């Protein structure tokens, strides 16, 4: 088991998976079956009993509609929504971005 400064990576992985799955509003059983695994597969990961293979990890990310990088970005609580917003922002003209930045700054001060 890999540990670094009291961080147990298996636990971090399990908690992140549980959080992202819950945000998507799907049960562990339904997610397990949707990615082609037995009904207890995701539950076993979230309970620290196992870890997915790399291939299944990619299926998990695909199911959650996020990239592997977004899965491990623990500072992002809503990676799918953030990516979708970023894609929309990229299409806006610079003057609109300045207005949106001012709005976000105002909201962040609250």
PDB file of N, CA and C in Angstrom:
ATOM      1  N   UNK A   1       0.857  -1.180   0.000  1.00  0.00           N
ATOM      2  CA  UNK A   1       0.000   0.000   0.000  1.00  0.00           C
ATOM      3  C   UNK A   1       0.899   1.238   0.000  1.00  0.00           C
ATOM      4  N   UNK A   2       0.608   2.173  -0.901  1.00  0.00           N
ATOM      5  CA  UNK A   2       1.373   3.410  -0.984  1.00  0.00           C
ATOM      6  C   UNK A   2       0.836   4.425   0.007  1.00  0.00           C
ATOM      7  N   UNK A   3       1.738   4.998   0.785  1.00  0.00           N
ATOM      8  CA  UNK A   3       1.324   6.036   1.716  1.00  0.00           C
ATOM      9  C   UNK A   3       2.290   7.199   1.611  1.00  0.00           C
ATOM     10  N   UNK A   4       1.778   8.399   1.783  1.00  0.00           N
ATOM     11  CA  UNK A   4       2.589   9.599   1.721  1.00  0.00           C
ATOM     12  C   UNK A   4       1.976  10.617   2.658  1.00  0.00           C
ATOM     13  N   UNK A   5       2.705  10.940   3.733  1.00  0.00           N
ATOM     14  CA  UNK A   5       2.219  11.933   4.697  1.00  0.00           C
ATOM     15  C   UNK A   5       0.801  11.630   5.162  1.00  0.00           C
ATOM     16  N   UNK A   6       0.581  10.416   5.564  1.00  0.00           N
ATOM     17  CA  UNK A   6      -0.700   9.964   6.091  1.00  0.00           C
ATOM     18  C   UNK A   6      -1.816   9.943   5.052  1.00  0.00           C
ATOM     19  N   UNK A   7      -1.481  10.080   3.775  1.00  0.00           N
ATOM     20  CA  UNK A   7      -2.481   9.980   2.721  1.00  0.00           C
ATOM     21  C   UNK A   7      -2.474   8.538   2.222  1.00  0.00           C
ATOM     22  N   UNK A   8      -3.598   7.897   2.314  1.00  0.00           N
ATOM     23  CA  UNK A   8      -3.721   6.543   1.796  1.00  0.00           C
ATOM     24  C   UNK A   8      -4.457   6.662   0.462  1.00  0.00           C
ATOM     25  N   UNK A   9      -3.723   6.417  -0.601  1.00  0.00           N
ATOM     26  CA  UNK A   9      -4.255   6.664  -1.932  1.00  0.00           C
ATOM     27  C   UNK A   9      -5.500   5.843  -2.239  1.00  0.00           C
ATOM     28  N   UNK A  10      -5.562   4.623  -1.726  1.00  0.00           N
ATOM     29  CA  UNK A  10      -6.746   3.808  -1.947  1.00  0.00           C
ATOM     30  C   UNK A  10      -7.984   4.473  -1.351  1.00  0.00           C
ATOM     31  N   UNK A  11      -7.820   5.075  -0.169  1.00  0.00           N
ATOM     32  CA  UNK A  11      -8.940   5.765   0.485  1.00  0.00           C
ATOM     33  C   UNK A  11      -9.344   7.012  -0.291  1.00  0.00           C
ATOM     34  N   UNK A  12      -8.354   7.756  -0.769  1.00  0.00           N
ATOM     35  CA  UNK A  12      -8.644   8.954  -1.566  1.00  0.00           C
ATOM     36  C   UNK A  12      -9.406   8.559  -2.826  1.00  0.00           C
ATOM     37  N   UNK A  13      -8.959   7.501  -3.469  1.00  0.00           N
ATOM     38  CA  UNK A  13      -9.625   7.024  -4.683  1.00  0.00           C
ATOM     39  C   UNK A  13     -11.067   6.638  -4.379  1.00  0.00           C
ATOM     40  N   UNK A  14     -11.253   5.865  -3.314  1.00  0.00           N
ATOM     41  CA  UNK A  14     -12.590   5.393  -2.946  1.00  0.00           C
ATOM     42  C   UNK A  14     -13.526   6.553  -2.623  1.00  0.00           C
ATOM     43  N   UNK A  15     -13.039   7.529  -1.873  1.00  0.00           N
ATOM     44  CA  UNK A  15     -13.865   8.681  -1.514  1.00  0.00           C
ATOM     45  C   UNK A  15     -14.216   9.523  -2.733  1.00  0.00           C
ATOM     46  N   UNK A  16     -13.256   9.709  -3.624  1.00  0.00           N
ATOM     47  CA  UNK A  16     -13.508  10.496  -4.823  1.00  0.00           C
ATOM     48  C   UNK A  16     -14.547   9.802  -5.706  1.00  0.00           C
ATOM     49  N   UNK A  17     -14.398   8.500  -5.874  1.00  0.00           N
ATOM     50  CA  UNK A  17     -15.354   7.750  -6.678  1.00  0.00           C
ATOM     51  C   UNK A  17     -16.752   7.849  -6.081  1.00  0.00           C
ATOM     52  N   UNK A  18     -16.851   7.676  -4.794  1.00  0.00           N
ATOM     53  CA  UNK A  18     -18.149   7.741  -4.123  1.00  0.00           C
ATOM     54  C   UNK A  18     -18.796   9.109  -4.304  1.00  0.00           C
ATOM     55  N   UNK A  19     -17.993  10.165  -4.142  1.00  0.00           N
ATOM     56  CA  UNK A  19     -18.520  11.525  -4.275  1.00  0.00           C
ATOM     57  C   UNK A  19     -19.011  11.796  -5.692  1.00  0.00           C
ATOM     58  N   UNK A  20     -18.200  11.448  -6.677  1.00  0.00           N
ATOM     59  CA  UNK A  20     -18.570  11.717  -8.065  1.00  0.00           C
ATOM     60  C   UNK A  20     -19.772  10.877  -8.498  1.00  0.00           C
ATOM     61  N   UNK A  21     -19.823   9.649  -8.039  1.00  0.00           N
ATOM     62  CA  UNK A  21     -20.963   8.787  -8.366  1.00  0.00           C
ATOM     63  C   UNK A  21     -22.241   9.332  -7.742  1.00  0.00           C
ATOM     64  N   UNK A  22     -22.154   9.751  -6.485  1.00  0.00           N
ATOM     65  CA  UNK A  22     -23.322  10.312  -5.798  1.00  0.00           C
ATOM     66  C   UNK A  22     -23.811  11.586  -6.482  1.00  0.00           C
ATOM     67  N   UNK A  23     -22.876  12.436  -6.911  1.00  0.00           N
ATOM     68  CA  UNK A  23     -23.253  13.662  -7.612  1.00  0.00           C
ATOM     69  C   UNK A  23     -23.989  13.350  -8.907  1.00  0.00           C
ATOM     70  N   UNK A  24     -23.637  12.246  -9.527  1.00  0.00           N
ATOM     71  CA  UNK A  24     -24.303  11.848 -10.764  1.00  0.00           C
ATOM     72  C   UNK A  24     -25.680  11.256 -10.472  1.00  0.00           C
ATOM     73  N   UNK A  25     -25.923  10.921  -9.203  1.00  0.00           N
ATOM     74  CA  UNK A  25     -27.229  10.420  -8.802  1.00  0.00           C
ATOM     75  C   UNK A  25     -27.488   8.980  -9.200  1.00  0.00           C
ATOM     76  N   UNK A  26     -26.448   8.178  -9.213  1.00  0.00           N
ATOM     77  CA  UNK A  26     -26.585   6.780  -9.612  1.00  0.00           C
ATOM     78  C   UNK A  26     -26.107   5.885  -8.467  1.00  0.00           C
ATOM     79  N   UNK A  27     -26.742   4.750  -8.323  1.00  0.00           N
ATOM     80  CA  UNK A  27     -26.348   3.812  -7.271  1.00  0.00           C
ATOM     81  C   UNK A  27     -25.067   3.084  -7.671  1.00  0.00           C
ATOM     82  N   UNK A  28     -24.360   2.567  -6.675  1.00  0.00           N
ATOM     83  CA  UNK A  28     -23.152   1.797  -6.938  1.00  0.00           C
ATOM     84  C   UNK A  28     -23.488   0.572  -7.784  1.00  0.00           C
ATOM     85  N   UNK A  29     -24.616  -0.053  -7.504  1.00  0.00           N
ATOM     86  CA  UNK A  29     -25.044  -1.235  -8.252  1.00  0.00           C
ATOM     87  C   UNK A  29     -25.270  -0.890  -9.724  1.00  0.00           C
ATOM     88  N   UNK A  30     -26.017   0.178  -9.977  1.00  0.00           N
ATOM     89  CA  UNK A  30     -26.303   0.563 -11.356  1.00  0.00           C
ATOM     90  C   UNK A  30     -25.032   0.954 -12.104  1.00  0.00           C
ATOM     91  N   UNK A  31     -24.137   1.637 -11.421  1.00  0.00           N
ATOM     92  CA  UNK A  31     -22.889   2.015 -12.071  1.00  0.00           C
ATOM     93  C   UNK A  31     -22.068   0.772 -12.392  1.00  0.00           C
ATOM     94  N   UNK A  32     -22.002  -0.151 -11.456  1.00  0.00           N
ATOM     95  CA  UNK A  32     -21.256  -1.394 -11.685  1.00  0.00           C
ATOM     96  C   UNK A  32     -21.749  -2.105 -12.928  1.00  0.00           C
ATOM     97  N   UNK A  33     -23.048  -2.271 -13.016  1.00  0.00           N
ATOM     98  CA  UNK A  33     -23.632  -2.967 -14.160  1.00  0.00           C
ATOM     99  C   UNK A  33     -23.440  -2.182 -15.456  1.00  0.00           C
ATOM    100  N   UNK A  34     -23.496  -0.855 -15.368  1.00  0.00           N
ATOM    101  CA  UNK A  34     -23.339  -0.011 -16.559  1.00  0.00           C
ATOM    102  C   UNK A  34     -21.946  -0.078 -17.155  1.00  0.00           C
ATOM    103  N   UNK A  35     -20.955  -0.354 -16.316  1.00  0.00           N
ATOM    104  CA  UNK A  35     -19.581  -0.454 -16.833  1.00  0.00           C
ATOM    105  C   UNK A  35     -19.182  -1.906 -17.082  1.00  0.00           C
ATOM    106  N   UNK A  36     -20.185  -2.792 -17.031  1.00  0.00           N
ATOM    107  CA  UNK A  36     -19.936  -4.182 -17.399  1.00  0.00           C
ATOM    108  C   UNK A  36     -19.330  -5.045 -16.312  1.00  0.00           C
ATOM    109  N   UNK A  37     -19.548  -4.671 -15.067  1.00  0.00           N
ATOM    110  CA  UNK A  37     -18.988  -5.426 -13.946  1.00  0.00           C
ATOM    111  C   UNK A  37     -20.108  -6.067 -13.136  1.00  0.00           C
ATOM    112  N   UNK A  38     -19.733  -6.883 -12.147  1.00  0.00           N
ATOM    113  CA  UNK A  38     -20.760  -7.471 -11.293  1.00  0.00           C
ATOM    114  C   UNK A  38     -21.376  -6.392 -10.419  1.00  0.00           C
ATOM    115  N   UNK A  39     -22.535  -6.669  -9.868  1.00  0.00           N
ATOM    116  CA  UNK A  39     -23.319  -5.638  -9.170  1.00  0.00           C
ATOM    117  C   UNK A  39     -22.634  -5.051  -7.942  1.00  0.00           C
ATOM    118  N   UNK A  40     -21.655  -5.728  -7.370  1.00  0.00           N
ATOM    119  CA  UNK A  40     -20.975  -5.224  -6.171  1.00  0.00           C
ATOM    120  C   UNK A  40     -19.634  -4.563  -6.465  1.00  0.00           C
ATOM    121  N   UNK A  41     -19.278  -4.444  -7.719  1.00  0.00           N
ATOM    122  CA  UNK A  41     -17.945  -3.976  -8.103  1.00  0.00           C
ATOM    123  C   UNK A  41     -17.616  -2.588  -7.535  1.00  0.00           C
ATOM    124  N   UNK A  42     -18.444  -1.602  -7.813  1.00  0.00           N
ATOM    125  CA  UNK A  42     -18.182  -0.227  -7.346  1.00  0.00           C
ATOM    126  C   UNK A  42     -18.247  -0.165  -5.816  1.00  0.00           C
ATOM    127  N   UNK A  43     -19.180  -0.874  -5.236  1.00  0.00           N
ATOM    128  CA  UNK A  43     -19.294  -0.921  -3.782  1.00  0.00           C
ATOM    129  C   UNK A  43     -17.998  -1.446  -3.154  1.00  0.00           C
ATOM    130  N   UNK A  44     -17.404  -2.470  -3.749  1.00  0.00           N
ATOM    131  CA  UNK A  44     -16.140  -3.013  -3.240  1.00  0.00           C
ATOM    132  C   UNK A  44     -15.006  -1.994  -3.325  1.00  0.00           C
ATOM    133  N   UNK A  45     -14.989  -1.209  -4.383  1.00  0.00           N
ATOM    134  CA  UNK A  45     -13.963  -0.161  -4.506  1.00  0.00           C
ATOM    135  C   UNK A  45     -14.201   0.909  -3.449  1.00  0.00           C
ATOM    136  N   UNK A  46     -15.437   1.360  -3.325  1.00  0.00           N
ATOM    137  CA  UNK A  46     -15.749   2.434  -2.371  1.00  0.00           C
ATOM    138  C   UNK A  46     -15.540   1.994  -0.927  1.00  0.00           C
ATOM    139  N   UNK A  47     -15.611   0.702  -0.661  1.00  0.00           N
ATOM    140  CA  UNK A  47     -15.368   0.190   0.688  1.00  0.00           C
ATOM    141  C   UNK A  47     -13.919  -0.219   0.909  1.00  0.00           C
ATOM    142  N   UNK A  48     -13.064   0.073  -0.059  1.00  0.00           N
ATOM    143  CA  UNK A  48     -11.640  -0.194   0.093  1.00  0.00           C
ATOM    144  C   UNK A  48     -11.243  -1.647  -0.054  1.00  0.00           C
ATOM    145  N   UNK A  49     -12.103  -2.463  -0.608  1.00  0.00           N
ATOM    146  CA  UNK A  49     -11.800  -3.889  -0.768  1.00  0.00           C
ATOM    147  C   UNK A  49     -11.033  -4.186  -2.045  1.00  0.00           C
ATOM    148  N   UNK A  50     -11.097  -3.288  -3.009  1.00  0.00           N
ATOM    149  CA  UNK A  50     -10.398  -3.510  -4.275  1.00  0.00           C
ATOM    150  C   UNK A  50     -10.168  -2.196  -4.984  1.00  0.00           C
ATOM    151  N   UNK A  51      -9.362  -2.254  -6.020  1.00  0.00           N
ATOM    152  CA  UNK A  51      -9.124  -1.123  -6.914  1.00  0.00           C
ATOM    153  C   UNK A  51      -9.385  -1.592  -8.340  1.00  0.00           C
ATOM    154  N   UNK A  52      -9.817  -0.693  -9.214  1.00  0.00           N
ATOM    155  CA  UNK A  52     -10.072  -1.110 -10.595  1.00  0.00           C
ATOM    156  C   UNK A  52      -8.776  -1.267 -11.375  1.00  0.00           C
ATOM    157  N   UNK A  53      -8.834  -2.072 -12.422  1.00  0.00           N
ATOM    158  CA  UNK A  53      -7.723  -2.113 -13.368  1.00  0.00           C
ATOM    159  C   UNK A  53      -7.704  -0.774 -14.096  1.00  0.00           C
ATOM    160  N   UNK A  54      -6.647  -0.508 -14.792  1.00  0.00           N
ATOM    161  CA  UNK A  54      -6.556   0.745 -15.543  1.00  0.00           C
ATOM    162  C   UNK A  54      -7.658   0.822 -16.601  1.00  0.00           C
ATOM    163  N   UNK A  55      -7.919  -0.285 -17.257  1.00  0.00           N
ATOM    164  CA  UNK A  55      -8.972  -0.308 -18.277  1.00  0.00           C
ATOM    165  C   UNK A  55     -10.325   0.036 -17.667  1.00  0.00           C
ATOM    166  N   UNK A  56     -10.645  -0.580 -16.533  1.00  0.00           N
ATOM    167  CA  UNK A  56     -11.932  -0.309 -15.896  1.00  0.00           C
ATOM    168  C   UNK A  56     -11.958   1.115 -15.352  1.00  0.00           C
ATOM    169  N   UNK A  57     -10.823   1.631 -14.893  1.00  0.00           N
ATOM    170  CA  UNK A  57     -10.772   3.024 -14.458  1.00  0.00           C
ATOM    171  C   UNK A  57     -11.183   3.953 -15.593  1.00  0.00           C
ATOM    172  N   UNK A  58     -10.726   3.664 -16.809  1.00  0.00           N
ATOM    173  CA  UNK A  58     -11.125   4.478 -17.961  1.00  0.00           C
ATOM    174  C   UNK A  58     -12.626   4.364 -18.214  1.00  0.00           C
ATOM    175  N   UNK A  59     -13.188   3.176 -18.037  1.00  0.00           N
ATOM    176  CA  UNK A  59     -14.645   3.008 -18.164  1.00  0.00           C
ATOM    177  C   UNK A  59     -15.387   3.812 -17.103  1.00  0.00           C
ATOM    178  N   UNK A  60     -14.836   3.830 -15.893  1.00  0.00           N
ATOM    179  CA  UNK A  60     -15.438   4.610 -14.805  1.00  0.00           C
ATOM    180  C   UNK A  60     -15.456   6.086 -15.189  1.00  0.00           C
ATOM    181  N   UNK A  61     -14.328   6.587 -15.684  1.00  0.00           N
ATOM    182  CA  UNK A  61     -14.256   7.996 -16.090  1.00  0.00           C
ATOM    183  C   UNK A  61     -15.234   8.282 -17.223  1.00  0.00           C
ATOM    184  N   UNK A  62     -15.318   7.378 -18.163  1.00  0.00           N
ATOM    185  CA  UNK A  62     -16.254   7.558 -19.280  1.00  0.00           C
ATOM    186  C   UNK A  62     -17.690   7.602 -18.763  1.00  0.00           C
ATOM    187  N   UNK A  63     -18.010   6.717 -17.830  1.00  0.00           N
ATOM    188  CA  UNK A  63     -19.358   6.693 -17.249  1.00  0.00           C
ATOM    189  C   UNK A  63     -19.658   8.010 -16.532  1.00  0.00           C
ATOM    190  N   UNK A  64     -18.661   8.542 -15.811  1.00  0.00           N
ATOM    191  CA  UNK A  64     -18.842   9.787 -15.072  1.00  0.00           C
ATOM    192  C   UNK A  64     -18.738  11.019 -15.969  1.00  0.00           C
ATOM    193  N   UNK A  65     -18.376  10.798 -17.236  1.00  0.00           N
ATOM    194  CA  UNK A  65     -18.217  11.870 -18.214  1.00  0.00           C
ATOM    195  C   UNK A  65     -17.135  12.868 -17.798  1.00  0.00           C
ATOM    196  N   UNK A  66     -16.023  12.301 -17.310  1.00  0.00           N
ATOM    197  CA  UNK A  66     -14.873  13.111 -16.932  1.00  0.00           C
ATOM    198  C   UNK A  66     -13.609  12.444 -17.463  1.00  0.00           C
ATOM    199  N   UNK A  67     -12.519  13.204 -17.480  1.00  0.00           N
ATOM    200  CA  UNK A  67     -11.230  12.654 -17.882  1.00  0.00           C
ATOM    201  C   UNK A  67     -10.542  12.060 -16.656  1.00  0.00           C
ATOM    202  N   UNK A  68      -9.561  11.182 -16.858  1.00  0.00           N
ATOM    203  CA  UNK A  68      -8.796  10.681 -15.715  1.00  0.00           C
ATOM    204  C   UNK A  68      -8.149  11.817 -14.914  1.00  0.00           C
ATOM    205  N   UNK A  69      -7.678  12.822 -15.607  1.00  0.00           N
ATOM    206  CA  UNK A  69      -7.090  13.979 -14.917  1.00  0.00           C
ATOM    207  C   UNK A  69      -8.121  14.664 -14.024  1.00  0.00           C
ATOM    208  N   UNK A  70      -9.335  14.821 -14.527  1.00  0.00           N
ATOM    209  CA  UNK A  70     -10.397  15.445 -13.736  1.00  0.00           C
ATOM    210  C   UNK A  70     -10.768  14.583 -12.535  1.00  0.00           C
ATOM    211  N   UNK A  71     -10.689  13.264 -12.688  1.00  0.00           N
ATOM    212  CA  UNK A  71     -10.985  12.377 -11.562  1.00  0.00           C
ATOM    213  C   UNK A  71     -10.040  12.682 -10.399  1.00  0.00           C
ATOM    214  N   UNK A  72      -8.767  12.895 -10.706  1.00  0.00           N
ATOM    215  CA  UNK A  72      -7.767  13.102  -9.656  1.00  0.00           C
ATOM    216  C   UNK A  72      -7.592  14.565  -9.254  1.00  0.00           C
ATOM    217  N   UNK A  73      -8.326  15.468  -9.855  1.00  0.00           N
ATOM    218  CA  UNK A  73      -8.269  16.876  -9.467  1.00  0.00           C
ATOM    219  C   UNK A  73      -9.183  17.065  -8.258  1.00  0.00           C
ATOM    220  N   UNK A  74      -8.634  16.826  -7.089  1.00  0.00           N
ATOM    221  CA  UNK A  74      -9.428  16.831  -5.861  1.00  0.00           C
ATOM    222  C   UNK A  74      -9.918  18.218  -5.481  1.00  0.00           C
ATOM    223  N   UNK A  75      -9.356  19.258  -6.074  1.00  0.00           N
ATOM    224  CA  UNK A  75      -9.815  20.623  -5.802  1.00  0.00           C
ATOM    225  C   UNK A  75     -11.081  20.961  -6.586  1.00  0.00           C
ATOM    226  N   UNK A  76     -11.436  20.135  -7.535  1.00  0.00           N
ATOM    227  CA  UNK A  76     -12.620  20.369  -8.363  1.00  0.00           C
ATOM    228  C   UNK A  76     -13.751  19.474  -7.872  1.00  0.00           C
ATOM    229  N   UNK A  77     -14.740  20.099  -7.254  1.00  0.00           N
ATOM    230  CA  UNK A  77     -15.842  19.303  -6.714  1.00  0.00           C
ATOM    231  C   UNK A  77     -16.869  18.928  -7.783  1.00  0.00           C
ATOM    232  N   UNK A  78     -16.887  19.649  -8.885  1.00  0.00           N
ATOM    233  CA  UNK A  78     -17.837  19.398  -9.976  1.00  0.00           C
ATOM    234  C   UNK A  78     -17.087  19.366 -11.315  1.00  0.00           C
ATOM    235  N   UNK A  79     -16.245  18.360 -11.545  1.00  0.00           N
ATOM    236  CA  UNK A  79     -15.398  18.394 -12.751  1.00  0.00           C
ATOM    237  C   UNK A  79     -16.168  18.397 -14.067  1.00  0.00           C
ATOM    238  N   UNK A  80     -17.253  17.662 -14.143  1.00  0.00           N
ATOM    239  CA  UNK A  80     -18.011  17.619 -15.397  1.00  0.00           C
ATOM    240  C   UNK A  80     -18.613  18.993 -15.694  1.00  0.00           C
ATOM    241  N   UNK A  81     -19.228  19.611 -14.699  1.00  0.00           N
ATOM    242  CA  UNK A  81     -19.843  20.927 -14.883  1.00  0.00           C
ATOM    243  C   UNK A  81     -18.779  21.982 -15.206  1.00  0.00           C
ATOM    244  N   UNK A  82     -17.640  21.901 -14.544  1.00  0.00           N
ATOM    245  CA  UNK A  82     -16.564  22.864 -14.783  1.00  0.00           C
ATOM    246  C   UNK A  82     -16.036  22.748 -16.212  1.00  0.00           C
ATOM    247  N   UNK A  83     -15.861  21.516 -16.701  1.00  0.00           N
ATOM    248  CA  UNK A  83     -15.384  21.330 -18.069  1.00  0.00           C
ATOM    249  C   UNK A  83     -16.405  21.863 -19.072  1.00  0.00           C
ATOM    250  N   UNK A  84     -17.688  21.587 -18.840  1.00  0.00           N
ATOM    251  CA  UNK A  84     -18.727  22.066 -19.751  1.00  0.00           C
ATOM    252  C   UNK A  84     -18.764  23.595 -19.777  1.00  0.00           C
ATOM    253  N   UNK A  85     -18.627  24.215 -18.616  1.00  0.00           N
ATOM    254  CA  UNK A  85     -18.609  25.675 -18.547  1.00  0.00           C
ATOM    255  C   UNK A  85     -17.378  26.231 -19.266  1.00  0.00           C
ATOM    256  N   UNK A  86     -16.237  25.610 -19.055  1.00  0.00           N
ATOM    257  CA  UNK A  86     -15.007  26.056 -19.709  1.00  0.00           C
ATOM    258  C   UNK A  86     -15.137  25.988 -21.226  1.00  0.00           C
ATOM    259  N   UNK A  87     -15.748  24.922 -21.721  1.00  0.00           N
ATOM    260  CA  UNK A  87     -15.937  24.793 -23.173  1.00  0.00           C
ATOM    261  C   UNK A  87     -16.823  25.920 -23.714  1.00  0.00           C
ATOM    262  N   UNK A  88     -17.841  26.290 -22.966  1.00  0.00           N
ATOM    263  CA  UNK A  88     -18.718  27.379 -23.396  1.00  0.00           C
ATOM    264  C   UNK A  88     -17.986  28.719 -23.329  1.00  0.00           C
ATOM    265  N   UNK A  89     -17.191  28.913 -22.287  1.00  0.00           N
ATOM    266  CA  UNK A  89     -16.446  30.167 -22.143  1.00  0.00           C
ATOM    267  C   UNK A  89     -15.454  30.369 -23.282  1.00  0.00           C
ATOM    268  N   UNK A  90     -14.876  29.299 -23.768  1.00  0.00           N
ATOM    269  CA  UNK A  90     -13.903  29.391 -24.863  1.00  0.00           C
ATOM    270  C   UNK A  90     -14.509  29.983 -26.130  1.00  0.00           C
ATOM    271  N   UNK A  91     -15.812  29.892 -26.257  1.00  0.00           N
ATOM    272  CA  UNK A  91     -16.488  30.377 -27.465  1.00  0.00           C
ATOM    273  C   UNK A  91     -16.895  31.845 -27.376  1.00  0.00           C
ATOM    274  N   UNK A  92     -16.725  32.452 -26.208  1.00  0.00           N
ATOM    275  CA  UNK A  92     -17.167  33.833 -26.011  1.00  0.00           C
ATOM    276  C   UNK A  92     -16.095  34.834 -26.431  1.00  0.00           C
ATOM    277  N   UNK A  93     -16.520  36.017 -26.863  1.00  0.00           N
ATOM    278  CA  UNK A  93     -15.554  37.078 -27.182  1.00  0.00           C
ATOM    279  C   UNK A  93     -14.901  37.600 -25.896  1.00  0.00           C
ATOM    280  N   UNK A  94     -13.702  38.161 -26.021  1.00  0.00           N
ATOM    281  CA  UNK A  94     -12.950  38.621 -24.852  1.00  0.00           C
ATOM    282  C   UNK A  94     -13.715  39.589 -23.947  1.00  0.00           C
ATOM    283  N   UNK A  95     -14.504  40.493 -24.537  1.00  0.00           N
ATOM    284  CA  UNK A  95     -15.210  41.464 -23.690  1.00  0.00           C
ATOM    285  C   UNK A  95     -16.249  40.774 -22.801  1.00  0.00           C
ATOM    286  N   UNK A  96     -16.861  39.709 -23.282  1.00  0.00           N
ATOM    287  CA  UNK A  96     -17.814  38.960 -22.457  1.00  0.00           C
ATOM    288  C   UNK A  96     -17.087  38.253 -21.309  1.00  0.00           C
ATOM    289  N   UNK A  97     -15.897  37.751 -21.610  1.00  0.00           N
ATOM    290  CA  UNK A  97     -15.119  37.071 -20.566  1.00  0.00           C
ATOM    291  C   UNK A  97     -14.764  38.013 -19.427  1.00  0.00           C
ATOM    292  N   UNK A  98     -14.469  39.272 -19.764  1.00  0.00           N
ATOM    293  CA  UNK A  98     -14.164  40.254 -18.716  1.00  0.00           C
ATOM    294  C   UNK A  98     -15.368  40.480 -17.818  1.00  0.00           C
ATOM    295  N   UNK A  99     -16.550  40.526 -18.384  1.00  0.00           N
ATOM    296  CA  UNK A  99     -17.776  40.696 -17.598  1.00  0.00           C
ATOM    297  C   UNK A  99     -18.030  39.478 -16.701  1.00  0.00           C
ATOM    298  N   UNK A 100     -17.843  38.315 -17.276  1.00  0.00           N
ATOM    299  CA  UNK A 100     -18.039  37.090 -16.501  1.00  0.00           C
ATOM    300  C   UNK A 100     -17.021  36.994 -15.377  1.00  0.00           C
ATOM    301  N   UNK A 101     -15.790  37.385 -15.650  1.00  0.00           N
ATOM    302  CA  UNK A 101     -14.756  37.379 -14.621  1.00  0.00           C
ATOM    303  C   UNK A 101     -15.143  38.303 -13.466  1.00  0.00           C
ATOM    304  N   UNK A 102     -15.695  39.473 -13.782  1.00  0.00           N
ATOM    305  CA  UNK A 102     -16.125  40.412 -12.746  1.00  0.00           C
ATOM    306  C   UNK A 102     -17.253  39.807 -11.907  1.00  0.00           C
ATOM    307  N   UNK A 103     -18.166  39.115 -12.553  1.00  0.00           N
ATOM    308  CA  UNK A 103     -19.263  38.465 -11.820  1.00  0.00           C
ATOM    309  C   UNK A 103     -18.716  37.391 -10.902  1.00  0.00           C
ATOM    310  N   UNK A 104     -17.808  36.578 -11.417  1.00  0.00           N
ATOM    311  CA  UNK A 104     -17.224  35.498 -10.605  1.00  0.00           C
ATOM    312  C   UNK A 104     -16.436  36.083  -9.428  1.00  0.00           C
ATOM    313  N   UNK A 105     -15.691  37.133  -9.675  1.00  0.00           N
ATOM    314  CA  UNK A 105     -14.962  37.787  -8.593  1.00  0.00           C
ATOM    315  C   UNK A 105     -15.914  38.257  -7.501  1.00  0.00           C
ATOM    316  N   UNK A 106     -17.028  38.852  -7.907  1.00  0.00           N
ATOM    317  CA  UNK A 106     -18.020  39.311  -6.940  1.00  0.00           C
ATOM    318  C   UNK A 106     -18.624  38.163  -6.145  1.00  0.00           C
ATOM    319  N   UNK A 107     -18.909  37.084  -6.810  1.00  0.00           N
ATOM    320  CA  UNK A 107     -19.475  35.911  -6.125  1.00  0.00           C
ATOM    321  C   UNK A 107     -18.464  35.256  -5.187  1.00  0.00           C
ATOM    322  N   UNK A 108     -17.210  35.257  -5.595  1.00  0.00           N
ATOM    323  CA  UNK A 108     -16.161  34.622  -4.771  1.00  0.00           C
ATOM    324  C   UNK A 108     -15.892  35.406  -3.503  1.00  0.00           C
ATOM    325  N   UNK A 109     -16.200  36.707  -3.507  1.00  0.00           N
ATOM    326  CA  UNK A 109     -15.971  37.536  -2.312  1.00  0.00           C
ATOM    327  C   UNK A 109     -17.021  37.287  -1.238  1.00  0.00           C
ATOM    328  N   UNK A 110     -18.136  36.707  -1.601  1.00  0.00           N
ATOM    329  CA  UNK A 110     -19.218  36.469  -0.644  1.00  0.00           C
ATOM    330  C   UNK A 110     -18.869  35.433   0.366  1.00  0.00           C
TER     331      UNK A 110
END
